[in-house]
Amino acid sequence: MQWYVDIVTAHPIITAMIQFAILGTLGDMIAAWIVNKKFFLPYKPLELLLKFVEWAFLAVLIKYAFTGYKFFVDGLVTTGLLPELGNFGTAFAISTAMNLQFGLLLVLLHRLLDNLIAGKVNWANINKGFYSLIWFWLPAHTITFMLPKPFQIGLAALWSVCLGIILGFYNKKKVEKT
C-alpha cells in the first residue's frame, strides 16, 4: 500500500479526482442496475463522460472540505472552544461540522449537476439527500476521519459506491410498490 500512499500524497487533487470519477460514477451505475434488475450502461457515452467530470469536480470540493474542516476543528480545540477529543471525538467533530455545513451545499450542487447532465429538472426527494447526511455520511465520515490522511479520500470515494447500493435497493422497493 506504500505506492498508494506515495501517489496520493504527491498528487492529492488529481488522485481524488480519479478515485471519485471512477467510484462515484460506479455507485450511480450500480444504483441503476439494482433498480432496473439488469446489468447495462445506464448513460449515453456523453452522459457517462459528464458523470466522470461531475464526480471529478465534486472530488476537488470534497478534498478541500476535508482539509479545511480538519483545520476548523483543530482551531476550535487550539482556542479552547472545544476540548481535546481524542481520535474518535475529533473525527466525529470534523464529520459533524463538514456534513452540517458543506454537506448541504454539496447535496444541492450534486443534484443540480445531475439535472444538467440528464437535461431535466428533478428536485424530487431532495430531502432524502439531506437526511443521508445524518444517517449515512456523518457515521461514514467519522470512520473516514479516523484513518490516516492518505486513505481518507479513497474511503470517501468508496462510500459513494456503498451509498449507490443502498439507494439502489431503496429505489427498487419504491418502483416495485408502484
N, C-alpha and C. Protein backbone atom coordinates (compact mmCIF):
# COMPACT_ATOMS: atom_id res chain seq x y z
N MET A 1 0.81 -1.21 0.00
CA MET A 1 0.00 0.00 0.00
C MET A 1 0.85 1.27 0.00
N GLN A 2 2.15 1.12 0.15
CA GLN A 2 3.00 2.31 0.19
C GLN A 2 2.94 3.08 -1.13
N TRP A 3 2.80 2.36 -2.24
CA TRP A 3 2.69 3.03 -3.55
C TRP A 3 1.47 3.94 -3.57
N TYR A 4 0.37 3.48 -2.97
CA TYR A 4 -0.87 4.28 -2.92
C TYR A 4 -0.64 5.53 -2.07
N VAL A 5 -0.06 5.35 -0.90
CA VAL A 5 0.22 6.48 -0.01
C VAL A 5 1.12 7.49 -0.72
N ASP A 6 2.15 6.99 -1.39
CA ASP A 6 3.08 7.88 -2.10
C ASP A 6 2.38 8.70 -3.18
N ILE A 7 1.54 8.04 -3.97
CA ILE A 7 0.91 8.75 -5.09
C ILE A 7 -0.16 9.73 -4.61
N VAL A 8 -0.97 9.36 -3.60
CA VAL A 8 -2.00 10.31 -3.14
C VAL A 8 -1.38 11.46 -2.35
N THR A 9 -0.23 11.23 -1.75
CA THR A 9 0.47 12.31 -1.05
C THR A 9 1.11 13.27 -2.05
N ALA A 10 1.68 12.73 -3.11
CA ALA A 10 2.34 13.57 -4.13
C ALA A 10 1.34 14.30 -5.02
N HIS A 11 0.18 13.70 -5.26
CA HIS A 11 -0.82 14.27 -6.19
C HIS A 11 -2.22 14.21 -5.57
N PRO A 12 -2.46 14.95 -4.50
CA PRO A 12 -3.73 14.79 -3.77
C PRO A 12 -4.98 15.17 -4.57
N ILE A 13 -4.92 16.19 -5.38
CA ILE A 13 -6.11 16.63 -6.12
C ILE A 13 -6.41 15.69 -7.28
N ILE A 14 -5.39 15.39 -8.07
CA ILE A 14 -5.58 14.51 -9.23
C ILE A 14 -6.06 13.13 -8.79
N THR A 15 -5.45 12.59 -7.73
CA THR A 15 -5.86 11.25 -7.29
C THR A 15 -7.28 11.28 -6.71
N ALA A 16 -7.65 12.36 -6.04
CA ALA A 16 -9.03 12.49 -5.55
C ALA A 16 -9.99 12.51 -6.73
N MET A 17 -9.64 13.26 -7.76
CA MET A 17 -10.50 13.35 -8.95
C MET A 17 -10.67 11.99 -9.61
N ILE A 18 -9.59 11.26 -9.76
CA ILE A 18 -9.64 9.95 -10.41
C ILE A 18 -10.47 8.97 -9.58
N GLN A 19 -10.21 8.93 -8.28
CA GLN A 19 -10.93 7.98 -7.42
C GLN A 19 -12.43 8.27 -7.41
N PHE A 20 -12.81 9.54 -7.28
CA PHE A 20 -14.23 9.88 -7.26
C PHE A 20 -14.87 9.72 -8.64
N ALA A 21 -14.14 10.06 -9.69
CA ALA A 21 -14.71 9.90 -11.04
C ALA A 21 -15.08 8.44 -11.28
N ILE A 22 -14.21 7.54 -10.89
CA ILE A 22 -14.46 6.12 -11.11
C ILE A 22 -15.49 5.57 -10.12
N LEU A 23 -15.23 5.76 -8.84
CA LEU A 23 -16.09 5.13 -7.82
C LEU A 23 -17.44 5.82 -7.68
N GLY A 24 -17.48 7.15 -7.79
CA GLY A 24 -18.76 7.85 -7.72
C GLY A 24 -19.67 7.48 -8.87
N THR A 25 -19.10 7.44 -10.07
CA THR A 25 -19.88 7.04 -11.25
C THR A 25 -20.31 5.58 -11.13
N LEU A 26 -19.42 4.74 -10.63
CA LEU A 26 -19.77 3.33 -10.41
C LEU A 26 -20.95 3.21 -9.44
N GLY A 27 -20.94 4.00 -8.37
CA GLY A 27 -22.06 3.98 -7.42
C GLY A 27 -23.37 4.36 -8.08
N ASP A 28 -23.33 5.38 -8.94
CA ASP A 28 -24.54 5.77 -9.69
C ASP A 28 -25.02 4.64 -10.59
N MET A 29 -24.06 3.98 -11.25
CA MET A 29 -24.42 2.90 -12.17
C MET A 29 -24.98 1.69 -11.42
N ILE A 30 -24.38 1.34 -10.29
CA ILE A 30 -24.87 0.21 -9.50
C ILE A 30 -26.30 0.46 -9.05
N ALA A 31 -26.58 1.69 -8.62
CA ALA A 31 -27.95 2.03 -8.21
C ALA A 31 -28.92 1.77 -9.37
N ALA A 32 -28.55 2.19 -10.58
CA ALA A 32 -29.41 1.97 -11.75
C ALA A 32 -29.55 0.48 -12.05
N TRP A 33 -28.49 -0.29 -11.90
CA TRP A 33 -28.55 -1.73 -12.15
C TRP A 33 -29.52 -2.40 -11.18
N ILE A 34 -29.45 -2.01 -9.91
CA ILE A 34 -30.32 -2.62 -8.91
C ILE A 34 -31.78 -2.26 -9.17
N VAL A 35 -32.04 -1.00 -9.44
CA VAL A 35 -33.42 -0.55 -9.69
C VAL A 35 -34.01 -1.27 -10.90
N ASN A 36 -33.23 -1.39 -11.96
CA ASN A 36 -33.73 -1.98 -13.21
C ASN A 36 -33.54 -3.49 -13.29
N LYS A 37 -32.90 -4.07 -12.28
CA LYS A 37 -32.67 -5.52 -12.21
C LYS A 37 -31.94 -6.06 -13.42
N LYS A 38 -31.02 -5.27 -13.95
CA LYS A 38 -30.21 -5.74 -15.06
C LYS A 38 -28.90 -4.96 -15.12
N PHE A 39 -27.90 -5.61 -15.69
CA PHE A 39 -26.58 -5.03 -15.86
C PHE A 39 -26.53 -4.37 -17.23
N PHE A 40 -26.40 -3.04 -17.26
CA PHE A 40 -26.40 -2.31 -18.53
C PHE A 40 -25.69 -0.98 -18.32
N LEU A 41 -25.42 -0.28 -19.41
CA LEU A 41 -24.83 1.05 -19.32
C LEU A 41 -25.98 2.05 -19.22
N PRO A 42 -26.22 2.63 -18.03
CA PRO A 42 -27.39 3.49 -17.85
C PRO A 42 -27.25 4.88 -18.46
N TYR A 43 -26.10 5.18 -19.02
CA TYR A 43 -25.87 6.50 -19.59
C TYR A 43 -25.41 6.38 -21.03
N LYS A 44 -25.78 7.38 -21.83
CA LYS A 44 -25.23 7.50 -23.17
C LYS A 44 -23.76 7.88 -23.01
N PRO A 45 -22.92 7.66 -24.03
CA PRO A 45 -21.49 7.94 -23.89
C PRO A 45 -21.18 9.36 -23.40
N LEU A 46 -21.85 10.37 -23.94
CA LEU A 46 -21.60 11.74 -23.49
C LEU A 46 -22.02 11.93 -22.03
N GLU A 47 -23.14 11.35 -21.65
CA GLU A 47 -23.60 11.43 -20.26
C GLU A 47 -22.60 10.76 -19.32
N LEU A 48 -22.06 9.62 -19.74
CA LEU A 48 -21.07 8.92 -18.93
C LEU A 48 -19.83 9.78 -18.73
N LEU A 49 -19.36 10.38 -19.79
CA LEU A 49 -18.22 11.29 -19.69
C LEU A 49 -18.53 12.44 -18.74
N LEU A 50 -19.72 13.01 -18.86
CA LEU A 50 -20.11 14.12 -17.99
C LEU A 50 -20.25 13.67 -16.53
N LYS A 51 -20.67 12.43 -16.29
CA LYS A 51 -20.74 11.91 -14.92
C LYS A 51 -19.33 11.82 -14.33
N PHE A 52 -18.37 11.35 -15.14
CA PHE A 52 -16.97 11.31 -14.68
C PHE A 52 -16.50 12.72 -14.32
N VAL A 53 -16.80 13.68 -15.19
CA VAL A 53 -16.38 15.07 -14.95
C VAL A 53 -17.07 15.62 -13.71
N GLU A 54 -18.36 15.34 -13.57
CA GLU A 54 -19.11 15.79 -12.38
C GLU A 54 -18.45 15.28 -11.10
N TRP A 55 -18.19 13.99 -11.05
CA TRP A 55 -17.59 13.42 -9.85
C TRP A 55 -16.17 13.93 -9.62
N ALA A 56 -15.42 14.15 -10.69
CA ALA A 56 -14.07 14.70 -10.54
C ALA A 56 -14.13 16.11 -9.97
N PHE A 57 -15.08 16.91 -10.44
CA PHE A 57 -15.26 18.27 -9.92
C PHE A 57 -15.66 18.23 -8.45
N LEU A 58 -16.62 17.37 -8.11
CA LEU A 58 -17.04 17.24 -6.71
C LEU A 58 -15.87 16.79 -5.83
N ALA A 59 -14.99 15.96 -6.38
CA ALA A 59 -13.84 15.47 -5.62
C ALA A 59 -12.93 16.61 -5.18
N VAL A 60 -12.76 17.60 -6.04
CA VAL A 60 -11.92 18.74 -5.68
C VAL A 60 -12.53 19.47 -4.48
N LEU A 61 -13.83 19.71 -4.55
CA LEU A 61 -14.52 20.38 -3.44
C LEU A 61 -14.43 19.55 -2.16
N ILE A 62 -14.61 18.25 -2.29
CA ILE A 62 -14.56 17.36 -1.13
C ILE A 62 -13.16 17.35 -0.53
N LYS A 63 -12.14 17.27 -1.37
CA LYS A 63 -10.76 17.27 -0.88
C LYS A 63 -10.46 18.54 -0.10
N TYR A 64 -10.87 19.69 -0.64
CA TYR A 64 -10.65 20.94 0.08
C TYR A 64 -11.46 20.99 1.37
N ALA A 65 -12.68 20.47 1.35
CA ALA A 65 -13.50 20.45 2.57
C ALA A 65 -12.86 19.56 3.64
N PHE A 66 -12.34 18.41 3.24
CA PHE A 66 -11.68 17.53 4.20
C PHE A 66 -10.54 18.27 4.90
N THR A 67 -9.74 18.96 4.12
CA THR A 67 -8.61 19.69 4.69
C THR A 67 -9.09 20.86 5.54
N GLY A 68 -10.02 21.64 5.01
CA GLY A 68 -10.49 22.83 5.71
C GLY A 68 -11.19 22.52 7.02
N TYR A 69 -12.04 21.51 7.03
CA TYR A 69 -12.78 21.21 8.25
C TYR A 69 -11.90 20.56 9.32
N LYS A 70 -10.83 19.89 8.92
CA LYS A 70 -9.87 19.39 9.91
C LYS A 70 -9.23 20.57 10.62
N PHE A 71 -8.80 21.57 9.84
CA PHE A 71 -8.18 22.75 10.45
C PHE A 71 -9.20 23.56 11.25
N PHE A 72 -10.45 23.56 10.82
CA PHE A 72 -11.52 24.23 11.55
C PHE A 72 -11.66 23.64 12.96
N VAL A 73 -11.76 22.32 13.04
CA VAL A 73 -11.90 21.66 14.35
C VAL A 73 -10.62 21.81 15.16
N ASP A 74 -9.45 21.66 14.52
CA ASP A 74 -8.19 21.87 15.23
C ASP A 74 -8.12 23.28 15.81
N GLY A 75 -8.60 24.26 15.05
CA GLY A 75 -8.62 25.65 15.53
C GLY A 75 -9.53 25.83 16.73
N LEU A 76 -10.68 25.17 16.72
CA LEU A 76 -11.59 25.25 17.87
C LEU A 76 -10.96 24.64 19.11
N VAL A 77 -10.22 23.55 18.94
CA VAL A 77 -9.54 22.92 20.07
C VAL A 77 -8.41 23.83 20.56
N THR A 78 -7.61 24.36 19.64
CA THR A 78 -6.48 25.21 19.99
C THR A 78 -6.91 26.45 20.76
N THR A 79 -8.04 27.03 20.38
CA THR A 79 -8.52 28.25 21.06
C THR A 79 -9.37 27.95 22.29
N GLY A 80 -9.53 26.68 22.62
CA GLY A 80 -10.28 26.31 23.81
C GLY A 80 -11.79 26.27 23.62
N LEU A 81 -12.27 26.41 22.39
CA LEU A 81 -13.71 26.36 22.16
C LEU A 81 -14.24 24.93 22.11
N LEU A 82 -13.35 23.98 21.92
CA LEU A 82 -13.66 22.56 22.03
C LEU A 82 -12.58 21.93 22.90
N PRO A 83 -12.94 20.93 23.70
CA PRO A 83 -11.90 20.23 24.47
C PRO A 83 -11.11 19.29 23.57
N GLU A 84 -10.00 18.77 24.09
CA GLU A 84 -9.29 17.71 23.39
C GLU A 84 -10.25 16.53 23.27
N LEU A 85 -10.37 15.98 22.09
CA LEU A 85 -11.42 15.00 21.84
C LEU A 85 -10.93 13.58 21.59
N GLY A 86 -9.66 13.38 21.39
CA GLY A 86 -9.18 12.05 21.02
C GLY A 86 -9.50 11.75 19.56
N ASN A 87 -9.08 10.59 19.09
CA ASN A 87 -9.23 10.25 17.67
C ASN A 87 -10.70 10.18 17.26
N PHE A 88 -11.52 9.42 17.99
CA PHE A 88 -12.93 9.29 17.63
C PHE A 88 -13.66 10.62 17.75
N GLY A 89 -13.46 11.33 18.84
CA GLY A 89 -14.15 12.61 19.06
C GLY A 89 -13.79 13.64 18.01
N THR A 90 -12.51 13.70 17.66
CA THR A 90 -12.07 14.64 16.63
C THR A 90 -12.68 14.27 15.28
N ALA A 91 -12.65 12.98 14.95
CA ALA A 91 -13.24 12.52 13.69
C ALA A 91 -14.73 12.84 13.64
N PHE A 92 -15.43 12.63 14.74
CA PHE A 92 -16.86 12.92 14.81
C PHE A 92 -17.11 14.42 14.67
N ALA A 93 -16.29 15.24 15.32
CA ALA A 93 -16.45 16.70 15.23
C ALA A 93 -16.21 17.20 13.81
N ILE A 94 -15.18 16.69 13.15
CA ILE A 94 -14.91 17.09 11.76
C ILE A 94 -16.08 16.67 10.87
N SER A 95 -16.52 15.43 11.03
CA SER A 95 -17.62 14.91 10.22
C SER A 95 -18.89 15.72 10.44
N THR A 96 -19.19 16.03 11.69
CA THR A 96 -20.39 16.80 12.01
C THR A 96 -20.34 18.19 11.40
N ALA A 97 -19.23 18.89 11.63
CA ALA A 97 -19.10 20.25 11.09
C ALA A 97 -19.19 20.24 9.56
N MET A 98 -18.49 19.31 8.94
CA MET A 98 -18.46 19.28 7.48
C MET A 98 -19.82 18.91 6.89
N ASN A 99 -20.46 17.89 7.43
CA ASN A 99 -21.73 17.43 6.86
C ASN A 99 -22.87 18.39 7.09
N LEU A 100 -22.88 19.08 8.23
CA LEU A 100 -23.98 20.00 8.52
C LEU A 100 -23.79 21.38 7.88
N GLN A 101 -22.61 21.65 7.36
CA GLN A 101 -22.37 22.92 6.66
C GLN A 101 -22.13 22.66 5.18
N PHE A 102 -20.97 22.16 4.85
CA PHE A 102 -20.61 21.90 3.46
C PHE A 102 -21.51 20.84 2.83
N GLY A 103 -21.90 19.83 3.59
CA GLY A 103 -22.71 18.73 3.06
C GLY A 103 -24.01 19.19 2.42
N LEU A 104 -24.66 20.16 3.04
CA LEU A 104 -25.92 20.69 2.49
C LEU A 104 -25.70 21.28 1.10
N LEU A 105 -24.64 22.06 0.97
CA LEU A 105 -24.33 22.66 -0.33
C LEU A 105 -23.94 21.60 -1.35
N LEU A 106 -23.21 20.59 -0.91
CA LEU A 106 -22.79 19.53 -1.82
C LEU A 106 -23.99 18.74 -2.35
N VAL A 107 -24.96 18.45 -1.49
CA VAL A 107 -26.17 17.74 -1.93
C VAL A 107 -26.88 18.55 -3.00
N LEU A 108 -27.03 19.84 -2.76
CA LEU A 108 -27.70 20.71 -3.75
C LEU A 108 -26.92 20.78 -5.06
N LEU A 109 -25.61 20.98 -4.96
CA LEU A 109 -24.78 21.07 -6.16
C LEU A 109 -24.79 19.76 -6.93
N HIS A 110 -24.70 18.65 -6.22
CA HIS A 110 -24.71 17.34 -6.87
C HIS A 110 -26.01 17.14 -7.64
N ARG A 111 -27.13 17.49 -7.03
CA ARG A 111 -28.42 17.34 -7.71
C ARG A 111 -28.51 18.28 -8.91
N LEU A 112 -28.02 19.51 -8.76
CA LEU A 112 -28.03 20.46 -9.87
C LEU A 112 -27.23 19.91 -11.05
N LEU A 113 -26.05 19.38 -10.77
CA LEU A 113 -25.22 18.82 -11.84
C LEU A 113 -25.88 17.58 -12.46
N ASP A 114 -26.49 16.73 -11.63
CA ASP A 114 -27.22 15.58 -12.17
C ASP A 114 -28.34 16.04 -13.10
N ASN A 115 -29.06 17.09 -12.70
CA ASN A 115 -30.14 17.64 -13.53
C ASN A 115 -29.60 18.17 -14.85
N LEU A 116 -28.49 18.88 -14.80
CA LEU A 116 -27.90 19.42 -16.03
C LEU A 116 -27.48 18.30 -16.98
N ILE A 117 -26.87 17.26 -16.44
CA ILE A 117 -26.43 16.14 -17.27
C ILE A 117 -27.63 15.40 -17.86
N ALA A 118 -28.67 15.20 -17.06
CA ALA A 118 -29.86 14.48 -17.53
C ALA A 118 -30.72 15.34 -18.45
N GLY A 119 -30.51 16.65 -18.42
CA GLY A 119 -31.30 17.55 -19.26
C GLY A 119 -32.73 17.71 -18.79
N LYS A 120 -32.95 17.49 -17.49
CA LYS A 120 -34.29 17.69 -16.95
C LYS A 120 -34.19 18.19 -15.51
N VAL A 121 -35.27 18.76 -15.04
CA VAL A 121 -35.31 19.30 -13.69
C VAL A 121 -35.95 18.26 -12.78
N ASN A 122 -35.21 17.83 -11.78
CA ASN A 122 -35.73 16.85 -10.82
C ASN A 122 -35.21 17.20 -9.43
N TRP A 123 -36.06 17.83 -8.65
CA TRP A 123 -35.71 18.14 -7.26
C TRP A 123 -36.52 17.26 -6.31
N ALA A 124 -37.19 16.26 -6.85
CA ALA A 124 -38.00 15.36 -6.01
C ALA A 124 -37.10 14.64 -5.00
N ASN A 125 -37.59 14.53 -3.82
CA ASN A 125 -36.91 13.81 -2.74
C ASN A 125 -35.54 14.37 -2.38
N ILE A 126 -35.30 15.65 -2.64
CA ILE A 126 -34.02 16.26 -2.25
C ILE A 126 -33.84 16.15 -0.73
N ASN A 127 -34.96 16.14 -0.01
CA ASN A 127 -34.88 15.99 1.44
C ASN A 127 -34.21 14.67 1.83
N LYS A 128 -34.37 13.63 1.01
CA LYS A 128 -33.72 12.35 1.29
C LYS A 128 -32.19 12.49 1.20
N GLY A 129 -31.75 13.34 0.27
CA GLY A 129 -30.32 13.62 0.18
C GLY A 129 -29.81 14.32 1.43
N PHE A 130 -30.62 15.25 1.94
CA PHE A 130 -30.24 15.94 3.17
C PHE A 130 -30.22 14.96 4.35
N TYR A 131 -31.21 14.08 4.43
CA TYR A 131 -31.25 13.09 5.51
C TYR A 131 -30.04 12.16 5.46
N SER A 132 -29.56 11.87 4.25
CA SER A 132 -28.40 10.97 4.13
C SER A 132 -27.17 11.55 4.80
N LEU A 133 -27.13 12.87 4.95
CA LEU A 133 -26.01 13.49 5.66
C LEU A 133 -25.97 13.01 7.11
N ILE A 134 -27.12 12.76 7.70
CA ILE A 134 -27.19 12.31 9.09
C ILE A 134 -27.04 10.80 9.21
N TRP A 135 -27.84 10.04 8.48
CA TRP A 135 -27.85 8.59 8.68
C TRP A 135 -26.72 7.86 7.97
N PHE A 136 -26.15 8.47 6.93
CA PHE A 136 -25.07 7.79 6.21
C PHE A 136 -23.74 8.53 6.33
N TRP A 137 -23.70 9.77 5.86
CA TRP A 137 -22.42 10.45 5.74
C TRP A 137 -21.79 10.82 7.08
N LEU A 138 -22.57 11.18 8.08
CA LEU A 138 -21.99 11.50 9.39
C LEU A 138 -21.24 10.31 9.97
N PRO A 139 -21.84 9.12 10.07
CA PRO A 139 -21.05 7.99 10.57
C PRO A 139 -19.95 7.55 9.59
N ALA A 140 -20.23 7.60 8.29
CA ALA A 140 -19.22 7.17 7.31
C ALA A 140 -17.98 8.06 7.39
N HIS A 141 -18.19 9.37 7.46
CA HIS A 141 -17.05 10.28 7.53
C HIS A 141 -16.37 10.24 8.89
N THR A 142 -17.10 9.89 9.94
CA THR A 142 -16.44 9.72 11.24
C THR A 142 -15.41 8.60 11.13
N ILE A 143 -15.80 7.50 10.53
CA ILE A 143 -14.85 6.40 10.30
C ILE A 143 -13.71 6.88 9.40
N THR A 144 -14.06 7.60 8.35
CA THR A 144 -13.06 8.09 7.39
C THR A 144 -12.01 8.95 8.08
N PHE A 145 -12.44 9.88 8.93
CA PHE A 145 -11.50 10.80 9.57
C PHE A 145 -10.70 10.14 10.69
N MET A 146 -11.02 8.92 11.04
CA MET A 146 -10.20 8.18 12.00
C MET A 146 -9.00 7.53 11.32
N LEU A 147 -9.03 7.45 9.99
CA LEU A 147 -7.94 6.85 9.23
C LEU A 147 -6.80 7.84 9.03
N PRO A 148 -5.60 7.34 8.72
CA PRO A 148 -4.52 8.24 8.32
C PRO A 148 -4.94 9.03 7.07
N LYS A 149 -4.47 10.25 6.97
CA LYS A 149 -4.89 11.17 5.90
C LYS A 149 -4.80 10.57 4.49
N PRO A 150 -3.74 9.85 4.13
CA PRO A 150 -3.66 9.34 2.75
C PRO A 150 -4.80 8.40 2.35
N PHE A 151 -5.50 7.81 3.31
CA PHE A 151 -6.56 6.86 3.00
C PHE A 151 -7.95 7.48 3.04
N GLN A 152 -8.06 8.72 3.48
CA GLN A 152 -9.37 9.32 3.70
C GLN A 152 -10.16 9.55 2.42
N ILE A 153 -9.57 10.14 1.41
CA ILE A 153 -10.31 10.42 0.18
C ILE A 153 -10.69 9.12 -0.54
N GLY A 154 -9.79 8.15 -0.54
CA GLY A 154 -10.11 6.87 -1.17
C GLY A 154 -11.31 6.20 -0.52
N LEU A 155 -11.36 6.22 0.82
CA LEU A 155 -12.50 5.63 1.51
C LEU A 155 -13.76 6.45 1.24
N ALA A 156 -13.64 7.76 1.22
CA ALA A 156 -14.82 8.60 0.94
C ALA A 156 -15.39 8.28 -0.44
N ALA A 157 -14.52 8.07 -1.42
CA ALA A 157 -14.99 7.70 -2.76
C ALA A 157 -15.65 6.32 -2.72
N LEU A 158 -15.09 5.42 -1.95
CA LEU A 158 -15.67 4.08 -1.81
C LEU A 158 -17.04 4.13 -1.14
N TRP A 159 -17.22 5.06 -0.20
CA TRP A 159 -18.54 5.23 0.42
C TRP A 159 -19.59 5.59 -0.62
N SER A 160 -19.19 6.27 -1.69
CA SER A 160 -20.15 6.62 -2.75
C SER A 160 -20.71 5.37 -3.42
N VAL A 161 -19.88 4.35 -3.54
CA VAL A 161 -20.35 3.07 -4.08
C VAL A 161 -21.34 2.44 -3.11
N CYS A 162 -20.99 2.46 -1.82
CA CYS A 162 -21.89 1.89 -0.80
C CYS A 162 -23.24 2.60 -0.80
N LEU A 163 -23.23 3.93 -0.87
CA LEU A 163 -24.49 4.66 -0.88
C LEU A 163 -25.28 4.35 -2.16
N GLY A 164 -24.58 4.19 -3.28
CA GLY A 164 -25.26 3.80 -4.52
C GLY A 164 -25.99 2.48 -4.38
N ILE A 165 -25.37 1.52 -3.70
CA ILE A 165 -26.01 0.22 -3.47
C ILE A 165 -27.24 0.39 -2.58
N ILE A 166 -27.09 1.13 -1.49
CA ILE A 166 -28.21 1.35 -0.57
C ILE A 166 -29.36 2.04 -1.28
N LEU A 167 -29.06 3.10 -2.02
CA LEU A 167 -30.11 3.84 -2.72
C LEU A 167 -30.74 3.01 -3.83
N GLY A 168 -29.94 2.16 -4.46
CA GLY A 168 -30.49 1.27 -5.48
C GLY A 168 -31.57 0.37 -4.89
N PHE A 169 -31.28 -0.24 -3.74
CA PHE A 169 -32.28 -1.11 -3.10
C PHE A 169 -33.47 -0.31 -2.59
N TYR A 170 -33.22 0.88 -2.07
CA TYR A 170 -34.32 1.74 -1.61
C TYR A 170 -35.24 2.11 -2.77
N ASN A 171 -34.64 2.54 -3.88
CA ASN A 171 -35.44 2.94 -5.04
C ASN A 171 -36.09 1.73 -5.72
N LYS A 172 -35.47 0.57 -5.62
CA LYS A 172 -36.07 -0.66 -6.17
C LYS A 172 -37.37 -0.97 -5.45
N LYS A 173 -37.38 -0.83 -4.14
CA LYS A 173 -38.59 -1.08 -3.36
C LYS A 173 -39.69 -0.10 -3.74
N LYS A 174 -39.32 1.16 -3.99
CA LYS A 174 -40.30 2.17 -4.39
C LYS A 174 -40.89 1.83 -5.76
N VAL A 175 -40.05 1.37 -6.69
CA VAL A 175 -40.51 1.02 -8.03
C VAL A 175 -41.43 -0.20 -7.97
N GLU A 176 -41.09 -1.19 -7.13
CA GLU A 176 -41.89 -2.40 -7.02
C GLU A 176 -43.28 -2.11 -6.45
N LYS A 177 -43.39 -1.10 -5.57
CA LYS A 177 -44.68 -0.76 -4.95
C LYS A 177 -45.62 -0.07 -5.92
N THR A 178 -45.08 0.61 -6.93
CA THR A 178 -45.94 1.35 -7.87
C THR A 178 -46.42 0.49 -9.01
